[in-house]
Amino acid sequence: MITEPIKMYTTTWCPDCKAAKRALDNKGLAYTEINIEEVEDAAQIVMSVNGGKRSVPTLVHGDTAASLSGFSIVKMNAFLSEAGLA
């Protein structure tokens, strides 16, 4: 089954973003990284799914979106489960 990659909204300086990328890499899951400081409208997308907060990393897959700010593997697994990727 081919699925679209996860969209991961990030910044270059975010340690939680680096941790989330490592976790997805370790699981062998594809993602597209979108830097909210460089891509027009990316910050607005992040704020629209996070109650107005500019929270990174934010992961989006289909209709599922979650902020993984304060990264933990528990948050990552909850997102993956909700998105049908676990």
PDB file of N, CA and C in Angstrom:
ATOM      1  N   MET A   1       0.838  -1.182   0.000  1.00  0.00           N
ATOM      2  CA  MET A   1       0.000   0.000   0.000  1.00  0.00           C
ATOM      3  C   MET A   1       0.883   1.245   0.000  1.00  0.00           C
ATOM      4  N   ILE A   2       0.708   2.092  -0.997  1.00  0.00           N
ATOM      5  CA  ILE A   2       1.478   3.328  -1.097  1.00  0.00           C
ATOM      6  C   ILE A   2       0.682   4.433  -0.416  1.00  0.00           C
ATOM      7  N   THR A   3       1.354   5.163   0.428  1.00  0.00           N
ATOM      8  CA  THR A   3       0.704   6.250   1.145  1.00  0.00           C
ATOM      9  C   THR A   3       1.527   7.517   0.965  1.00  0.00           C
ATOM     10  N   GLU A   4       0.866   8.638   1.055  1.00  0.00           N
ATOM     11  CA  GLU A   4       1.563   9.918   0.973  1.00  0.00           C
ATOM     12  C   GLU A   4       2.489  10.062   2.177  1.00  0.00           C
ATOM     13  N   PRO A   5       3.631  10.729   1.979  1.00  0.00           N
ATOM     14  CA  PRO A   5       4.508  10.966   3.130  1.00  0.00           C
ATOM     15  C   PRO A   5       3.835  11.888   4.147  1.00  0.00           C
ATOM     16  N   ILE A   6       4.265  11.764   5.374  1.00  0.00           N
ATOM     17  CA  ILE A   6       3.836  12.669   6.438  1.00  0.00           C
ATOM     18  C   ILE A   6       4.423  14.044   6.124  1.00  0.00           C
ATOM     19  N   LYS A   7       3.647  15.093   6.363  1.00  0.00           N
ATOM     20  CA  LYS A   7       4.183  16.450   6.265  1.00  0.00           C
ATOM     21  C   LYS A   7       4.649  16.843   7.657  1.00  0.00           C
ATOM     22  N   MET A   8       5.914  17.237   7.769  1.00  0.00           N
ATOM     23  CA  MET A   8       6.455  17.665   9.052  1.00  0.00           C
ATOM     24  C   MET A   8       6.858  19.123   8.952  1.00  0.00           C
ATOM     25  N   TYR A   9       6.143  19.966   9.692  1.00  0.00           N
ATOM     26  CA  TYR A   9       6.435  21.397   9.724  1.00  0.00           C
ATOM     27  C   TYR A   9       7.468  21.636  10.819  1.00  0.00           C
ATOM     28  N   THR A  10       8.585  22.288  10.445  1.00  0.00           N
ATOM     29  CA  THR A  10       9.729  22.408  11.338  1.00  0.00           C
ATOM     30  C   THR A  10      10.347  23.802  11.258  1.00  0.00           C
ATOM     31  N   THR A  11      11.379  23.985  12.096  1.00  0.00           N
ATOM     32  CA  THR A  11      12.343  25.079  11.954  1.00  0.00           C
ATOM     33  C   THR A  11      13.725  24.434  12.052  1.00  0.00           C
ATOM     34  N   THR A  12      14.748  25.147  11.626  1.00  0.00           N
ATOM     35  CA  THR A  12      16.103  24.577  11.658  1.00  0.00           C
ATOM     36  C   THR A  12      16.658  24.471  13.065  1.00  0.00           C
ATOM     37  N   TRP A  13      16.194  25.317  13.982  1.00  0.00           N
ATOM     38  CA  TRP A  13      16.767  25.386  15.322  1.00  0.00           C
ATOM     39  C   TRP A  13      16.029  24.548  16.367  1.00  0.00           C
ATOM     40  N   CYS A  14      14.998  23.842  15.976  1.00  0.00           N
ATOM     41  CA  CYS A  14      14.108  23.140  16.900  1.00  0.00           C
ATOM     42  C   CYS A  14      14.632  21.754  17.289  1.00  0.00           C
ATOM     43  N   PRO A  15      15.010  21.544  18.564  1.00  0.00           N
ATOM     44  CA  PRO A  15      15.495  20.221  18.974  1.00  0.00           C
ATOM     45  C   PRO A  15      14.416  19.140  18.916  1.00  0.00           C
ATOM     46  N   ASP A  16      13.148  19.501  19.179  1.00  0.00           N
ATOM     47  CA  ASP A  16      12.069  18.520  19.076  1.00  0.00           C
ATOM     48  C   ASP A  16      11.882  18.055  17.630  1.00  0.00           C
ATOM     49  N   CYS A  17      12.140  18.963  16.677  1.00  0.00           N
ATOM     50  CA  CYS A  17      12.051  18.611  15.256  1.00  0.00           C
ATOM     51  C   CYS A  17      13.107  17.559  14.911  1.00  0.00           C
ATOM     52  N   LYS A  18      14.316  17.779  15.394  1.00  0.00           N
ATOM     53  CA  LYS A  18      15.391  16.810  15.141  1.00  0.00           C
ATOM     54  C   LYS A  18      15.045  15.448  15.737  1.00  0.00           C
ATOM     55  N   ALA A  19      14.487  15.437  16.941  1.00  0.00           N
ATOM     56  CA  ALA A  19      14.103  14.179  17.590  1.00  0.00           C
ATOM     57  C   ALA A  19      12.993  13.478  16.805  1.00  0.00           C
ATOM     58  N   ALA A  20      12.022  14.245  16.315  1.00  0.00           N
ATOM     59  CA  ALA A  20      10.928  13.656  15.543  1.00  0.00           C
ATOM     60  C   ALA A  20      11.440  13.064  14.235  1.00  0.00           C
ATOM     61  N   LYS A  21      12.361  13.764  13.575  1.00  0.00           N
ATOM     62  CA  LYS A  21      12.941  13.241  12.328  1.00  0.00           C
ATOM     63  C   LYS A  21      13.673  11.931  12.586  1.00  0.00           C
ATOM     64  N   ARG A  22      14.461  11.882  13.665  1.00  0.00           N
ATOM     65  CA  ARG A  22      15.171  10.640  14.014  1.00  0.00           C
ATOM     66  C   ARG A  22      14.186   9.501  14.265  1.00  0.00           C
ATOM     67  N   ALA A  23      13.107   9.788  14.992  1.00  0.00           N
ATOM     68  CA  ALA A  23      12.120   8.761  15.309  1.00  0.00           C
ATOM     69  C   ALA A  23      11.438   8.234  14.043  1.00  0.00           C
ATOM     70  N   LEU A  24      11.063   9.133  13.136  1.00  0.00           N
ATOM     71  CA  LEU A  24      10.441   8.688  11.879  1.00  0.00           C
ATOM     72  C   LEU A  24      11.438   7.906  11.030  1.00  0.00           C
ATOM     73  N   ASP A  25      12.690   8.366  10.982  1.00  0.00           N
ATOM     74  CA  ASP A  25      13.724   7.645  10.237  1.00  0.00           C
ATOM     75  C   ASP A  25      13.901   6.240  10.803  1.00  0.00           C
ATOM     76  N   ASN A  26      13.926   6.135  12.140  1.00  0.00           N
ATOM     77  CA  ASN A  26      14.104   4.828  12.781  1.00  0.00           C
ATOM     78  C   ASN A  26      12.949   3.887  12.475  1.00  0.00           C
ATOM     79  N   LYS A  27      11.755   4.438  12.265  1.00  0.00           N
ATOM     80  CA  LYS A  27      10.587   3.625  11.927  1.00  0.00           C
ATOM     81  C   LYS A  27      10.477   3.375  10.418  1.00  0.00           C
ATOM     82  N   GLY A  28      11.362   4.021   9.642  1.00  0.00           N
ATOM     83  CA  GLY A  28      11.329   3.851   8.197  1.00  0.00           C
ATOM     84  C   GLY A  28      10.134   4.522   7.534  1.00  0.00           C
ATOM     85  N   LEU A  29       9.621   5.578   8.171  1.00  0.00           N
ATOM     86  CA  LEU A  29       8.453   6.273   7.628  1.00  0.00           C
ATOM     87  C   LEU A  29       8.886   7.502   6.836  1.00  0.00           C
ATOM     88  N   ALA A  30       8.289   7.670   5.674  1.00  0.00           N
ATOM     89  CA  ALA A  30       8.621   8.800   4.798  1.00  0.00           C
ATOM     90  C   ALA A  30       7.942  10.065   5.292  1.00  0.00           C
ATOM     91  N   TYR A  31       8.662  11.183   5.178  1.00  0.00           N
ATOM     92  CA  TYR A  31       8.092  12.476   5.525  1.00  0.00           C
ATOM     93  C   TYR A  31       8.685  13.544   4.622  1.00  0.00           C
ATOM     94  N   THR A  32       7.916  14.603   4.466  1.00  0.00           N
ATOM     95  CA  THR A  32       8.364  15.782   3.750  1.00  0.00           C
ATOM     96  C   THR A  32       8.513  16.890   4.777  1.00  0.00           C
ATOM     97  N   GLU A  33       9.714  17.451   4.867  1.00  0.00           N
ATOM     98  CA  GLU A  33       9.969  18.510   5.834  1.00  0.00           C
ATOM     99  C   GLU A  33       9.644  19.864   5.217  1.00  0.00           C
ATOM    100  N   ILE A  34       8.904  20.680   5.955  1.00  0.00           N
ATOM    101  CA  ILE A  34       8.500  22.001   5.498  1.00  0.00           C
ATOM    102  C   ILE A  34       8.912  23.006   6.574  1.00  0.00           C
ATOM    103  N   ASN A  35       9.876  23.852   6.259  1.00  0.00           N
ATOM    104  CA  ASN A  35      10.379  24.833   7.220  1.00  0.00           C
ATOM    105  C   ASN A  35       9.420  26.021   7.248  1.00  0.00           C
ATOM    106  N   ILE A  36       8.816  26.260   8.410  1.00  0.00           N
ATOM    107  CA  ILE A  36       7.800  27.313   8.498  1.00  0.00           C
ATOM    108  C   ILE A  36       8.396  28.716   8.414  1.00  0.00           C
ATOM    109  N   GLU A  37       9.721  28.833   8.541  1.00  0.00           N
ATOM    110  CA  GLU A  37      10.362  30.139   8.429  1.00  0.00           C
ATOM    111  C   GLU A  37      10.783  30.437   6.985  1.00  0.00           C
ATOM    112  N   GLU A  38      10.692  29.440   6.120  1.00  0.00           N
ATOM    113  CA  GLU A  38      11.127  29.621   4.733  1.00  0.00           C
ATOM    114  C   GLU A  38      10.015  29.433   3.712  1.00  0.00           C
ATOM    115  N   VAL A  39       8.992  28.657   4.035  1.00  0.00           N
ATOM    116  CA  VAL A  39       7.930  28.353   3.083  1.00  0.00           C
ATOM    117  C   VAL A  39       6.720  29.235   3.362  1.00  0.00           C
ATOM    118  N   GLU A  40       6.339  29.996   2.350  1.00  0.00           N
ATOM    119  CA  GLU A  40       5.209  30.910   2.480  1.00  0.00           C
ATOM    120  C   GLU A  40       3.952  30.149   2.884  1.00  0.00           C
ATOM    121  N   ASP A  41       3.209  30.685   3.820  1.00  0.00           N
ATOM    122  CA  ASP A  41       1.942  30.141   4.327  1.00  0.00           C
ATOM    123  C   ASP A  41       2.096  28.920   5.231  1.00  0.00           C
ATOM    124  N   ALA A  42       3.306  28.372   5.393  1.00  0.00           N
ATOM    125  CA  ALA A  42       3.485  27.185   6.232  1.00  0.00           C
ATOM    126  C   ALA A  42       3.165  27.484   7.695  1.00  0.00           C
ATOM    127  N   ALA A  43       3.587  28.626   8.196  1.00  0.00           N
ATOM    128  CA  ALA A  43       3.294  28.977   9.590  1.00  0.00           C
ATOM    129  C   ALA A  43       1.790  29.114   9.810  1.00  0.00           C
ATOM    130  N   GLN A  44       1.066  29.638   8.815  1.00  0.00           N
ATOM    131  CA  GLN A  44      -0.378  29.769   8.941  1.00  0.00           C
ATOM    132  C   GLN A  44      -1.046  28.397   9.011  1.00  0.00           C
ATOM    133  N   ILE A  45      -0.546  27.442   8.253  1.00  0.00           N
ATOM    134  CA  ILE A  45      -1.083  26.077   8.292  1.00  0.00           C
ATOM    135  C   ILE A  45      -0.881  25.497   9.685  1.00  0.00           C
ATOM    136  N   VAL A  46       0.330  25.661  10.221  1.00  0.00           N
ATOM    137  CA  VAL A  46       0.644  25.152  11.564  1.00  0.00           C
ATOM    138  C   VAL A  46      -0.293  25.781  12.591  1.00  0.00           C
ATOM    139  N   MET A  47      -0.465  27.089  12.530  1.00  0.00           N
ATOM    140  CA  MET A  47      -1.331  27.763  13.492  1.00  0.00           C
ATOM    141  C   MET A  47      -2.788  27.333  13.338  1.00  0.00           C
ATOM    142  N   SER A  48      -3.204  27.025  12.111  1.00  0.00           N
ATOM    143  CA  SER A  48      -4.599  26.640  11.883  1.00  0.00           C
ATOM    144  C   SER A  48      -4.923  25.280  12.498  1.00  0.00           C
ATOM    145  N   VAL A  49      -3.951  24.406  12.642  1.00  0.00           N
ATOM    146  CA  VAL A  49      -4.208  23.079  13.223  1.00  0.00           C
ATOM    147  C   VAL A  49      -3.797  23.000  14.694  1.00  0.00           C
ATOM    148  N   ASN A  50      -3.213  24.074  15.223  1.00  0.00           N
ATOM    149  CA  ASN A  50      -2.751  24.087  16.614  1.00  0.00           C
ATOM    150  C   ASN A  50      -3.374  25.213  17.436  1.00  0.00           C
ATOM    151  N   GLY A  51      -4.597  25.561  17.133  1.00  0.00           N
ATOM    152  CA  GLY A  51      -5.306  26.559  17.925  1.00  0.00           C
ATOM    153  C   GLY A  51      -4.617  27.912  17.973  1.00  0.00           C
ATOM    154  N   GLY A  52      -3.992  28.305  16.862  1.00  0.00           N
ATOM    155  CA  GLY A  52      -3.345  29.605  16.779  1.00  0.00           C
ATOM    156  C   GLY A  52      -1.895  29.615  17.224  1.00  0.00           C
ATOM    157  N   LYS A  53      -1.387  28.481  17.686  1.00  0.00           N
ATOM    158  CA  LYS A  53       0.001  28.412  18.154  1.00  0.00           C
ATOM    159  C   LYS A  53       0.940  28.016  17.023  1.00  0.00           C
ATOM    160  N   ARG A  54       2.092  28.643  17.020  1.00  0.00           N
ATOM    161  CA  ARG A  54       3.143  28.358  16.035  1.00  0.00           C
ATOM    162  C   ARG A  54       4.037  27.263  16.618  1.00  0.00           C
ATOM    163  N   SER A  55       3.528  26.052  16.645  1.00  0.00           N
ATOM    164  CA  SER A  55       4.128  24.941  17.367  1.00  0.00           C
ATOM    165  C   SER A  55       4.801  23.963  16.403  1.00  0.00           C
ATOM    166  N   VAL A  56       6.092  23.717  16.641  1.00  0.00           N
ATOM    167  CA  VAL A  56       6.821  22.747  15.821  1.00  0.00           C
ATOM    168  C   VAL A  56       7.508  21.733  16.721  1.00  0.00           C
ATOM    169  N   PRO A  57       7.689  20.515  16.240  1.00  0.00           N
ATOM    170  CA  PRO A  57       7.207  20.019  14.953  1.00  0.00           C
ATOM    171  C   PRO A  57       5.706  19.761  14.979  1.00  0.00           C
ATOM    172  N   THR A  58       5.075  20.045  13.872  1.00  0.00           N
ATOM    173  CA  THR A  58       3.687  19.665  13.655  1.00  0.00           C
ATOM    174  C   THR A  58       3.670  18.670  12.513  1.00  0.00           C
ATOM    175  N   LEU A  59       3.020  17.536  12.751  1.00  0.00           N
ATOM    176  CA  LEU A  59       2.908  16.497  11.735  1.00  0.00           C
ATOM    177  C   LEU A  59       1.491  16.465  11.199  1.00  0.00           C
ATOM    178  N   VAL A  60       1.377  16.305   9.882  1.00  0.00           N
ATOM    179  CA  VAL A  60       0.076  16.232   9.228  1.00  0.00           C
ATOM    180  C   VAL A  60       0.097  15.052   8.272  1.00  0.00           C
ATOM    181  N   HIS A  61      -0.960  14.232   8.372  1.00  0.00           N
ATOM    182  CA  HIS A  61      -1.138  13.127   7.417  1.00  0.00           C
ATOM    183  C   HIS A  61      -2.626  12.975   7.190  1.00  0.00           C
ATOM    184  N   GLY A  62      -3.060  13.234   5.959  1.00  0.00           N
ATOM    185  CA  GLY A  62      -4.490  13.205   5.668  1.00  0.00           C
ATOM    186  C   GLY A  62      -5.203  14.242   6.511  1.00  0.00           C
ATOM    187  N   ASP A  63      -6.226  13.804   7.241  1.00  0.00           N
ATOM    188  CA  ASP A  63      -7.008  14.705   8.093  1.00  0.00           C
ATOM    189  C   ASP A  63      -6.475  14.759   9.526  1.00  0.00           C
ATOM    190  N   THR A  64      -5.359  14.095   9.786  1.00  0.00           N
ATOM    191  CA  THR A  64      -4.805  14.036  11.138  1.00  0.00           C
ATOM    192  C   THR A  64      -3.631  14.996  11.257  1.00  0.00           C
ATOM    193  N   ALA A  65      -3.654  15.808  12.312  1.00  0.00           N
ATOM    194  CA  ALA A  65      -2.561  16.745  12.572  1.00  0.00           C
ATOM    195  C   ALA A  65      -2.285  16.752  14.064  1.00  0.00           C
ATOM    196  N   ALA A  66      -1.001  16.895  14.412  1.00  0.00           N
ATOM    197  CA  ALA A  66      -0.634  16.952  15.827  1.00  0.00           C
ATOM    198  C   ALA A  66       0.671  17.709  15.994  1.00  0.00           C
ATOM    199  N   SER A  67       0.717  18.494  17.077  1.00  0.00           N
ATOM    200  CA  SER A  67       1.973  19.120  17.472  1.00  0.00           C
ATOM    201  C   SER A  67       2.746  18.118  18.308  1.00  0.00           C
ATOM    202  N   LEU A  68       4.023  17.967  18.006  1.00  0.00           N
ATOM    203  CA  LEU A  68       4.893  17.114  18.812  1.00  0.00           C
ATOM    204  C   LEU A  68       5.889  17.951  19.596  1.00  0.00           C
ATOM    205  N   SER A  69       5.526  19.211  19.850  1.00  0.00           N
ATOM    206  CA  SER A  69       6.348  20.070  20.682  1.00  0.00           C
ATOM    207  C   SER A  69       6.441  19.427  22.057  1.00  0.00           C
ATOM    208  N   GLY A  70       7.628  19.458  22.660  1.00  0.00           N
ATOM    209  CA  GLY A  70       7.857  18.688  23.878  1.00  0.00           C
ATOM    210  C   GLY A  70       7.911  17.222  23.508  1.00  0.00           C
ATOM    211  N   PHE A  71       8.659  16.924  22.443  1.00  0.00           N
ATOM    212  CA  PHE A  71       8.653  15.606  21.802  1.00  0.00           C
ATOM    213  C   PHE A  71       8.768  14.454  22.790  1.00  0.00           C
ATOM    214  N   SER A  72       7.950  13.458  22.546  1.00  0.00           N
ATOM    215  CA  SER A  72       8.088  12.172  23.219  1.00  0.00           C
ATOM    216  C   SER A  72       7.654  11.093  22.243  1.00  0.00           C
ATOM    217  N   ILE A  73       8.192   9.901  22.412  1.00  0.00           N
ATOM    218  CA  ILE A  73       7.826   8.789  21.540  1.00  0.00           C
ATOM    219  C   ILE A  73       6.343   8.443  21.739  1.00  0.00           C
ATOM    220  N   VAL A  74       5.815   8.704  22.928  1.00  0.00           N
ATOM    221  CA  VAL A  74       4.392   8.470  23.189  1.00  0.00           C
ATOM    222  C   VAL A  74       3.539   9.372  22.297  1.00  0.00           C
ATOM    223  N   LYS A  75       3.895  10.668  22.210  1.00  0.00           N
ATOM    224  CA  LYS A  75       3.171  11.594  21.319  1.00  0.00           C
ATOM    225  C   LYS A  75       3.283  11.140  19.867  1.00  0.00           C
ATOM    226  N   MET A  76       4.497  10.723  19.470  1.00  0.00           N
ATOM    227  CA  MET A  76       4.712  10.267  18.089  1.00  0.00           C
ATOM    228  C   MET A  76       3.825   9.057  17.789  1.00  0.00           C
ATOM    229  N   ASN A  77       3.824   8.084  18.683  1.00  0.00           N
ATOM    230  CA  ASN A  77       3.038   6.876  18.452  1.00  0.00           C
ATOM    231  C   ASN A  77       1.545   7.163  18.443  1.00  0.00           C
ATOM    232  N   ALA A  78       1.096   8.111  19.267  1.00  0.00           N
ATOM    233  CA  ALA A  78      -0.330   8.479  19.267  1.00  0.00           C
ATOM    234  C   ALA A  78      -0.712   9.094  17.923  1.00  0.00           C
ATOM    235  N   PHE A  79       0.145   9.972  17.393  1.00  0.00           N
ATOM    236  CA  PHE A  79      -0.117  10.556  16.069  1.00  0.00           C
ATOM    237  C   PHE A  79      -0.161   9.462  14.998  1.00  0.00           C
ATOM    238  N   LEU A  80       0.834   8.590  15.005  1.00  0.00           N
ATOM    239  CA  LEU A  80       0.905   7.535  13.985  1.00  0.00           C
ATOM    240  C   LEU A  80      -0.317   6.619  14.056  1.00  0.00           C
ATOM    241  N   SER A  81      -0.757   6.309  15.254  1.00  0.00           N
ATOM    242  CA  SER A  81      -1.930   5.463  15.429  1.00  0.00           C
ATOM    243  C   SER A  81      -3.180   6.159  14.896  1.00  0.00           C
ATOM    244  N   GLU A  82      -3.361   7.426  15.274  1.00  0.00           N
ATOM    245  CA  GLU A  82      -4.531   8.181  14.819  1.00  0.00           C
ATOM    246  C   GLU A  82      -4.544   8.347  13.301  1.00  0.00           C
ATOM    247  N   ALA A  83      -3.340   8.484  12.715  1.00  0.00           N
ATOM    248  CA  ALA A  83      -3.226   8.677  11.267  1.00  0.00           C
ATOM    249  C   ALA A  83      -3.289   7.339  10.505  1.00  0.00           C
ATOM    250  N   GLY A  84      -3.386   6.229  11.231  1.00  0.00           N
ATOM    251  CA  GLY A  84      -3.457   4.920  10.589  1.00  0.00           C
ATOM    252  C   GLY A  84      -2.120   4.434  10.075  1.00  0.00           C
ATOM    253  N   LEU A  85      -1.031   4.909  10.684  1.00  0.00           N
ATOM    254  CA  LEU A  85       0.314   4.555  10.218  1.00  0.00           C
ATOM    255  C   LEU A  85       1.068   3.661  11.199  1.00  0.00           C
ATOM    256  N   ALA A  86       0.440   3.323  12.320  1.00  0.00           N
ATOM    257  CA  ALA A  86       1.140   2.529  13.342  1.00  0.00           C
ATOM    258  C   ALA A  86       1.087   1.048  13.017  1.00  0.00           C
TER     259      ALA A  86
END
